[in-house]
Structure formats: C-alpha cells, structure tokens
Amino acid sequence: QVQLVESGGGLVQPGGSLRLSCAASTDIRRFNAMGWYRQAPGKQREWVALISSGGVTDYPNSVKGRFTVSSDNVKNTLYLQMNSLKPEDTAVYYCRGLGSEGEYWGQGTQVTVSS
C-alpha cells in the first residue's frame, strides 16, 4: 500500500520560510502528477502546487512567486518551498499522488503563520 508522509510544518512568523517534505513509500515516477493542497479551519481544501511527471509546475495566483514545488526521484520525495509566508497561509498542508490506479493522500502537516 502506498503511503505519503508529510513533514516540515510548524510555527513561523509572517515573512518567514518553511520547506515541507512528502516522503513516498513507492517510486514517485509511477504518479502522473503530484501536488500540495491545504485546508484552513472552516474552509474547503484547495490546491497550492502541482507538478507533472514531466516536471511541469503550476500554482494558483495566491501563492505564485512565493511557493515552489519540486521532487527528488532518488529519494522519492516531494517538496514545497514556501517563502514570504502570510497569516492566510495558515492551514494543514497535504500532499497527493495521482496515478493511473487512483489517488493517494498524506496525513497532513500543520503550518501556522503568526507573530
């Protein structure tokens, strides 16, 4: 069974940076795409970064220029570098892997941006 495990969340001041990691128990090249999503209290889950198997990335306007998604096929790990963090970035962040057989989600990691 495929497992995705996020790490790297925490408390950071506005303007600060964090790097999230998502370690997969399988070769991530099996996924057609991987992505990062977040869910704040009382809000729907939203996507914040996508990366295709070919390395093409996409971001919503809310994080474009501040967040960068990358992957390491040797370590089977997905990353999210988050810079210039804002209080509205506070949420639980999840990684997702989309394969031909279905999708997989991690358990999430909390990111809190506050002074």
N, C-alpha and C. Protein backbone atom coordinates (compact mmCIF):
# COMPACT_ATOMS: atom_id res chain seq x y z
N GLN A 1 0.85 -1.18 0.00
CA GLN A 1 0.00 0.00 0.00
C GLN A 1 0.88 1.23 0.00
N VAL A 2 0.53 2.18 -0.83
CA VAL A 2 1.30 3.40 -0.95
C VAL A 2 1.03 4.30 0.25
N GLN A 3 2.10 4.84 0.80
CA GLN A 3 1.98 5.80 1.89
C GLN A 3 2.72 7.08 1.55
N LEU A 4 2.11 8.20 1.88
CA LEU A 4 2.73 9.51 1.73
C LEU A 4 2.79 10.14 3.12
N VAL A 5 3.97 10.59 3.52
CA VAL A 5 4.15 11.14 4.86
C VAL A 5 4.75 12.54 4.75
N GLU A 6 3.96 13.54 5.17
CA GLU A 6 4.42 14.92 5.16
C GLU A 6 5.19 15.25 6.43
N SER A 7 6.10 16.21 6.31
CA SER A 7 6.83 16.72 7.46
C SER A 7 7.31 18.13 7.13
N GLY A 8 7.78 18.82 8.17
CA GLY A 8 8.35 20.14 7.95
C GLY A 8 7.46 21.30 8.36
N GLY A 9 6.25 21.02 8.78
CA GLY A 9 5.37 22.10 9.22
C GLY A 9 5.81 22.66 10.55
N GLY A 10 5.17 23.75 10.95
CA GLY A 10 5.49 24.37 12.22
C GLY A 10 4.97 25.78 12.31
N LEU A 11 5.48 26.49 13.30
CA LEU A 11 5.09 27.88 13.53
C LEU A 11 6.17 28.80 12.95
N VAL A 12 5.76 29.76 12.16
CA VAL A 12 6.71 30.69 11.55
C VAL A 12 6.11 32.09 11.56
N GLN A 13 6.96 33.09 11.65
CA GLN A 13 6.49 34.47 11.65
C GLN A 13 6.15 34.92 10.23
N PRO A 14 5.27 35.89 10.09
CA PRO A 14 4.99 36.43 8.75
C PRO A 14 6.27 36.88 8.07
N GLY A 15 6.38 36.56 6.79
CA GLY A 15 7.59 36.86 6.04
C GLY A 15 8.62 35.76 6.07
N GLY A 16 8.41 34.77 6.91
CA GLY A 16 9.37 33.68 7.04
C GLY A 16 9.20 32.61 5.98
N SER A 17 10.00 31.55 6.12
CA SER A 17 10.01 30.47 5.15
C SER A 17 9.91 29.11 5.84
N LEU A 18 9.38 28.15 5.11
CA LEU A 18 9.35 26.76 5.54
C LEU A 18 9.51 25.88 4.30
N ARG A 19 10.07 24.71 4.51
CA ARG A 19 10.10 23.72 3.44
C ARG A 19 9.41 22.46 3.91
N LEU A 20 8.37 22.08 3.22
CA LEU A 20 7.65 20.85 3.52
C LEU A 20 8.20 19.72 2.67
N SER A 21 8.16 18.53 3.25
CA SER A 21 8.57 17.32 2.53
C SER A 21 7.44 16.30 2.55
N CYS A 22 7.38 15.51 1.52
CA CYS A 22 6.40 14.42 1.43
C CYS A 22 7.15 13.19 0.94
N ALA A 23 7.38 12.27 1.87
CA ALA A 23 8.12 11.05 1.54
C ALA A 23 7.15 9.96 1.12
N ALA A 24 7.42 9.36 -0.03
CA ALA A 24 6.55 8.31 -0.56
C ALA A 24 7.18 6.94 -0.33
N SER A 25 6.33 5.95 -0.11
CA SER A 25 6.79 4.58 0.12
C SER A 25 6.97 3.83 -1.19
N THR A 26 6.84 4.56 -2.31
CA THR A 26 6.93 3.95 -3.62
C THR A 26 7.71 4.85 -4.56
N ASP A 27 8.04 4.36 -5.70
CA ASP A 27 8.71 5.17 -6.71
C ASP A 27 7.74 6.23 -7.20
N ILE A 28 8.07 7.52 -6.97
CA ILE A 28 7.11 8.57 -7.32
C ILE A 28 6.97 8.73 -8.83
N ARG A 29 7.84 8.10 -9.60
CA ARG A 29 7.69 8.17 -11.05
C ARG A 29 6.46 7.43 -11.53
N ARG A 30 5.84 6.64 -10.63
CA ARG A 30 4.61 5.96 -11.01
C ARG A 30 3.42 6.91 -11.08
N PHE A 31 3.58 8.09 -10.45
CA PHE A 31 2.48 9.05 -10.43
C PHE A 31 2.47 9.91 -11.69
N ASN A 32 1.29 10.13 -12.22
CA ASN A 32 1.15 11.05 -13.36
C ASN A 32 1.37 12.48 -12.92
N ALA A 33 1.04 12.76 -11.68
CA ALA A 33 1.23 14.09 -11.12
C ALA A 33 1.23 13.99 -9.61
N MET A 34 1.85 14.97 -8.99
CA MET A 34 1.80 15.10 -7.54
C MET A 34 1.49 16.55 -7.21
N GLY A 35 0.98 16.76 -6.02
CA GLY A 35 0.63 18.13 -5.67
C GLY A 35 0.56 18.36 -4.19
N TRP A 36 0.49 19.62 -3.85
CA TRP A 36 0.30 20.07 -2.47
C TRP A 36 -1.05 20.77 -2.39
N TYR A 37 -1.75 20.50 -1.31
CA TYR A 37 -3.05 21.10 -1.05
C TYR A 37 -3.04 21.59 0.39
N ARG A 38 -3.98 22.46 0.71
CA ARG A 38 -4.09 22.92 2.09
C ARG A 38 -5.55 23.12 2.46
N GLN A 39 -5.80 23.03 3.74
CA GLN A 39 -7.15 23.25 4.25
C GLN A 39 -7.08 24.02 5.56
N ALA A 40 -7.68 25.18 5.53
CA ALA A 40 -7.76 26.01 6.73
C ALA A 40 -9.06 25.70 7.45
N PRO A 41 -9.14 25.98 8.75
CA PRO A 41 -10.37 25.71 9.51
C PRO A 41 -11.58 26.38 8.88
N GLY A 42 -12.63 25.61 8.66
CA GLY A 42 -13.85 26.17 8.11
C GLY A 42 -13.84 26.41 6.62
N LYS A 43 -12.76 26.02 5.96
CA LYS A 43 -12.65 26.25 4.52
C LYS A 43 -12.46 24.93 3.78
N GLN A 44 -12.74 24.96 2.49
CA GLN A 44 -12.53 23.79 1.66
C GLN A 44 -11.05 23.60 1.35
N ARG A 45 -10.69 22.36 1.08
CA ARG A 45 -9.32 22.08 0.69
C ARG A 45 -9.05 22.71 -0.68
N GLU A 46 -7.88 23.32 -0.82
CA GLU A 46 -7.51 23.97 -2.07
C GLU A 46 -6.11 23.55 -2.49
N TRP A 47 -5.89 23.58 -3.80
CA TRP A 47 -4.57 23.20 -4.27
C TRP A 47 -3.63 24.40 -4.20
N VAL A 48 -2.35 24.15 -3.95
CA VAL A 48 -1.37 25.22 -3.90
C VAL A 48 -0.18 24.97 -4.82
N ALA A 49 -0.02 23.75 -5.28
CA ALA A 49 1.09 23.49 -6.21
C ALA A 49 0.89 22.13 -6.87
N LEU A 50 1.19 22.06 -8.14
CA LEU A 50 1.12 20.81 -8.88
C LEU A 50 2.40 20.62 -9.68
N ILE A 51 2.81 19.37 -9.82
CA ILE A 51 3.95 19.05 -10.66
C ILE A 51 3.63 17.77 -11.42
N SER A 52 3.81 17.81 -12.71
CA SER A 52 3.52 16.64 -13.53
C SER A 52 4.72 15.71 -13.56
N SER A 53 4.51 14.54 -14.11
CA SER A 53 5.60 13.58 -14.23
C SER A 53 6.71 14.12 -15.12
N GLY A 54 6.37 15.06 -15.97
CA GLY A 54 7.36 15.68 -16.84
C GLY A 54 8.03 16.89 -16.24
N GLY A 55 7.63 17.21 -15.01
CA GLY A 55 8.27 18.34 -14.32
C GLY A 55 7.61 19.68 -14.53
N VAL A 56 6.46 19.69 -15.19
CA VAL A 56 5.74 20.95 -15.39
C VAL A 56 5.03 21.32 -14.09
N THR A 57 5.16 22.56 -13.68
CA THR A 57 4.57 23.00 -12.42
C THR A 57 3.48 24.03 -12.66
N ASP A 58 2.60 24.17 -11.68
CA ASP A 58 1.53 25.15 -11.75
C ASP A 58 1.14 25.55 -10.34
N TYR A 59 0.73 26.81 -10.21
CA TYR A 59 0.36 27.36 -8.91
C TYR A 59 -0.84 28.29 -9.07
N PRO A 60 -1.66 28.39 -8.05
CA PRO A 60 -2.71 29.41 -8.09
C PRO A 60 -2.09 30.77 -7.84
N ASN A 61 -2.80 31.82 -8.19
CA ASN A 61 -2.27 33.17 -8.04
C ASN A 61 -1.94 33.51 -6.59
N SER A 62 -2.66 32.89 -5.65
CA SER A 62 -2.48 33.21 -4.23
C SER A 62 -1.07 32.86 -3.73
N VAL A 63 -0.38 31.94 -4.38
CA VAL A 63 0.95 31.53 -3.91
C VAL A 63 2.03 31.69 -4.98
N LYS A 64 1.63 32.02 -6.19
CA LYS A 64 2.59 32.12 -7.30
C LYS A 64 3.67 33.14 -6.96
N GLY A 65 4.91 32.75 -7.19
CA GLY A 65 6.04 33.62 -6.87
C GLY A 65 6.55 33.47 -5.45
N ARG A 66 5.78 32.79 -4.61
CA ARG A 66 6.21 32.58 -3.21
C ARG A 66 6.48 31.11 -2.92
N PHE A 67 5.73 30.21 -3.55
CA PHE A 67 5.86 28.77 -3.30
C PHE A 67 6.52 28.11 -4.51
N THR A 68 7.33 27.09 -4.24
CA THR A 68 7.98 26.33 -5.30
C THR A 68 7.89 24.84 -4.99
N VAL A 69 7.35 24.08 -5.92
CA VAL A 69 7.25 22.63 -5.75
C VAL A 69 8.38 21.97 -6.53
N SER A 70 8.93 20.91 -5.95
CA SER A 70 9.99 20.16 -6.62
C SER A 70 9.92 18.71 -6.16
N SER A 71 10.62 17.86 -6.86
CA SER A 71 10.63 16.44 -6.50
C SER A 71 12.02 15.86 -6.66
N ASP A 72 12.29 14.84 -5.88
CA ASP A 72 13.56 14.12 -5.94
C ASP A 72 13.21 12.65 -6.20
N ASN A 73 13.46 12.20 -7.42
CA ASN A 73 13.08 10.83 -7.79
C ASN A 73 13.98 9.78 -7.14
N VAL A 74 15.14 10.18 -6.67
CA VAL A 74 16.03 9.23 -5.98
C VAL A 74 15.54 9.00 -4.56
N LYS A 75 15.15 10.10 -3.90
CA LYS A 75 14.65 10.00 -2.52
C LYS A 75 13.15 9.74 -2.48
N ASN A 76 12.49 9.73 -3.64
CA ASN A 76 11.03 9.54 -3.69
C ASN A 76 10.33 10.53 -2.77
N THR A 77 10.71 11.77 -2.89
CA THR A 77 10.19 12.81 -2.01
C THR A 77 9.75 14.03 -2.81
N LEU A 78 8.62 14.58 -2.40
CA LEU A 78 8.09 15.82 -2.96
C LEU A 78 8.34 16.93 -1.96
N TYR A 79 8.68 18.11 -2.46
CA TYR A 79 8.97 19.24 -1.58
C TYR A 79 8.08 20.43 -1.93
N LEU A 80 7.89 21.29 -0.93
CA LEU A 80 7.24 22.57 -1.15
C LEU A 80 8.02 23.62 -0.38
N GLN A 81 8.72 24.46 -1.11
CA GLN A 81 9.42 25.59 -0.51
C GLN A 81 8.46 26.77 -0.44
N MET A 82 8.24 27.27 0.76
CA MET A 82 7.30 28.37 0.97
C MET A 82 8.05 29.57 1.52
N ASN A 83 8.03 30.66 0.79
CA ASN A 83 8.70 31.89 1.20
C ASN A 83 7.67 33.00 1.38
N SER A 84 8.09 34.06 2.04
CA SER A 84 7.22 35.23 2.26
C SER A 84 5.85 34.81 2.78
N LEU A 85 5.87 33.98 3.79
CA LEU A 85 4.62 33.44 4.31
C LEU A 85 3.75 34.52 4.94
N LYS A 86 2.45 34.32 4.79
CA LYS A 86 1.45 35.26 5.30
C LYS A 86 0.54 34.53 6.28
N PRO A 87 -0.11 35.26 7.17
CA PRO A 87 -1.05 34.61 8.10
C PRO A 87 -2.11 33.79 7.37
N GLU A 88 -2.52 34.23 6.21
CA GLU A 88 -3.55 33.49 5.47
C GLU A 88 -3.04 32.19 4.86
N ASP A 89 -1.75 31.92 4.98
CA ASP A 89 -1.21 30.63 4.56
C ASP A 89 -1.37 29.56 5.63
N THR A 90 -1.85 29.97 6.80
CA THR A 90 -2.05 29.03 7.89
C THR A 90 -3.07 27.97 7.50
N ALA A 91 -2.68 26.71 7.61
CA ALA A 91 -3.55 25.60 7.21
C ALA A 91 -2.83 24.28 7.48
N VAL A 92 -3.57 23.20 7.32
CA VAL A 92 -2.95 21.88 7.26
C VAL A 92 -2.61 21.61 5.80
N TYR A 93 -1.36 21.24 5.55
CA TYR A 93 -0.90 21.01 4.19
C TYR A 93 -0.80 19.51 3.92
N TYR A 94 -1.33 19.10 2.77
CA TYR A 94 -1.37 17.71 2.38
C TYR A 94 -0.65 17.51 1.04
N CYS A 95 -0.03 16.37 0.87
CA CYS A 95 0.47 16.03 -0.46
C CYS A 95 -0.41 14.94 -1.05
N ARG A 96 -0.43 14.91 -2.36
CA ARG A 96 -1.29 13.99 -3.10
C ARG A 96 -0.51 13.42 -4.28
N GLY A 97 -0.69 12.14 -4.47
CA GLY A 97 -0.11 11.49 -5.64
C GLY A 97 -1.23 10.93 -6.50
N LEU A 98 -1.20 11.22 -7.79
CA LEU A 98 -2.25 10.77 -8.70
C LEU A 98 -1.64 9.80 -9.70
N GLY A 99 -2.10 8.54 -9.60
CA GLY A 99 -1.63 7.52 -10.51
C GLY A 99 -2.77 6.99 -11.36
N SER A 100 -2.45 6.10 -12.27
CA SER A 100 -3.48 5.52 -13.14
C SER A 100 -4.46 4.66 -12.35
N GLU A 101 -4.02 4.19 -11.18
CA GLU A 101 -4.88 3.32 -10.36
C GLU A 101 -5.69 4.08 -9.33
N GLY A 102 -5.41 5.36 -9.18
CA GLY A 102 -6.14 6.15 -8.19
C GLY A 102 -5.27 7.21 -7.58
N GLU A 103 -5.74 7.76 -6.48
CA GLU A 103 -5.02 8.84 -5.81
C GLU A 103 -4.67 8.44 -4.39
N TYR A 104 -3.61 9.08 -3.88
CA TYR A 104 -3.14 8.84 -2.53
C TYR A 104 -2.91 10.17 -1.85
N TRP A 105 -3.23 10.21 -0.55
CA TRP A 105 -3.07 11.42 0.25
C TRP A 105 -2.24 11.12 1.48
N GLY A 106 -1.48 12.10 1.91
CA GLY A 106 -0.80 12.02 3.18
C GLY A 106 -1.72 12.45 4.31
N GLN A 107 -1.18 12.41 5.52
CA GLN A 107 -2.00 12.72 6.70
C GLN A 107 -2.01 14.21 7.02
N GLY A 108 -1.12 14.96 6.40
CA GLY A 108 -1.09 16.40 6.59
C GLY A 108 -0.07 16.87 7.61
N THR A 109 0.36 18.11 7.45
CA THR A 109 1.26 18.75 8.41
C THR A 109 0.78 20.18 8.62
N GLN A 110 0.77 20.61 9.87
CA GLN A 110 0.22 21.93 10.22
C GLN A 110 1.26 23.02 9.96
N VAL A 111 0.83 24.06 9.29
CA VAL A 111 1.63 25.27 9.11
C VAL A 111 0.87 26.43 9.73
N THR A 112 1.52 27.12 10.65
CA THR A 112 0.91 28.27 11.31
C THR A 112 1.81 29.48 11.12
N VAL A 113 1.25 30.53 10.54
CA VAL A 113 1.99 31.76 10.31
C VAL A 113 1.42 32.82 11.23
N SER A 114 2.21 33.20 12.23
CA SER A 114 1.73 34.13 13.23
C SER A 114 2.90 34.80 13.93
N SER A 115 2.67 36.03 14.35
CA SER A 115 3.70 36.74 15.12
C SER A 115 3.45 36.56 16.61
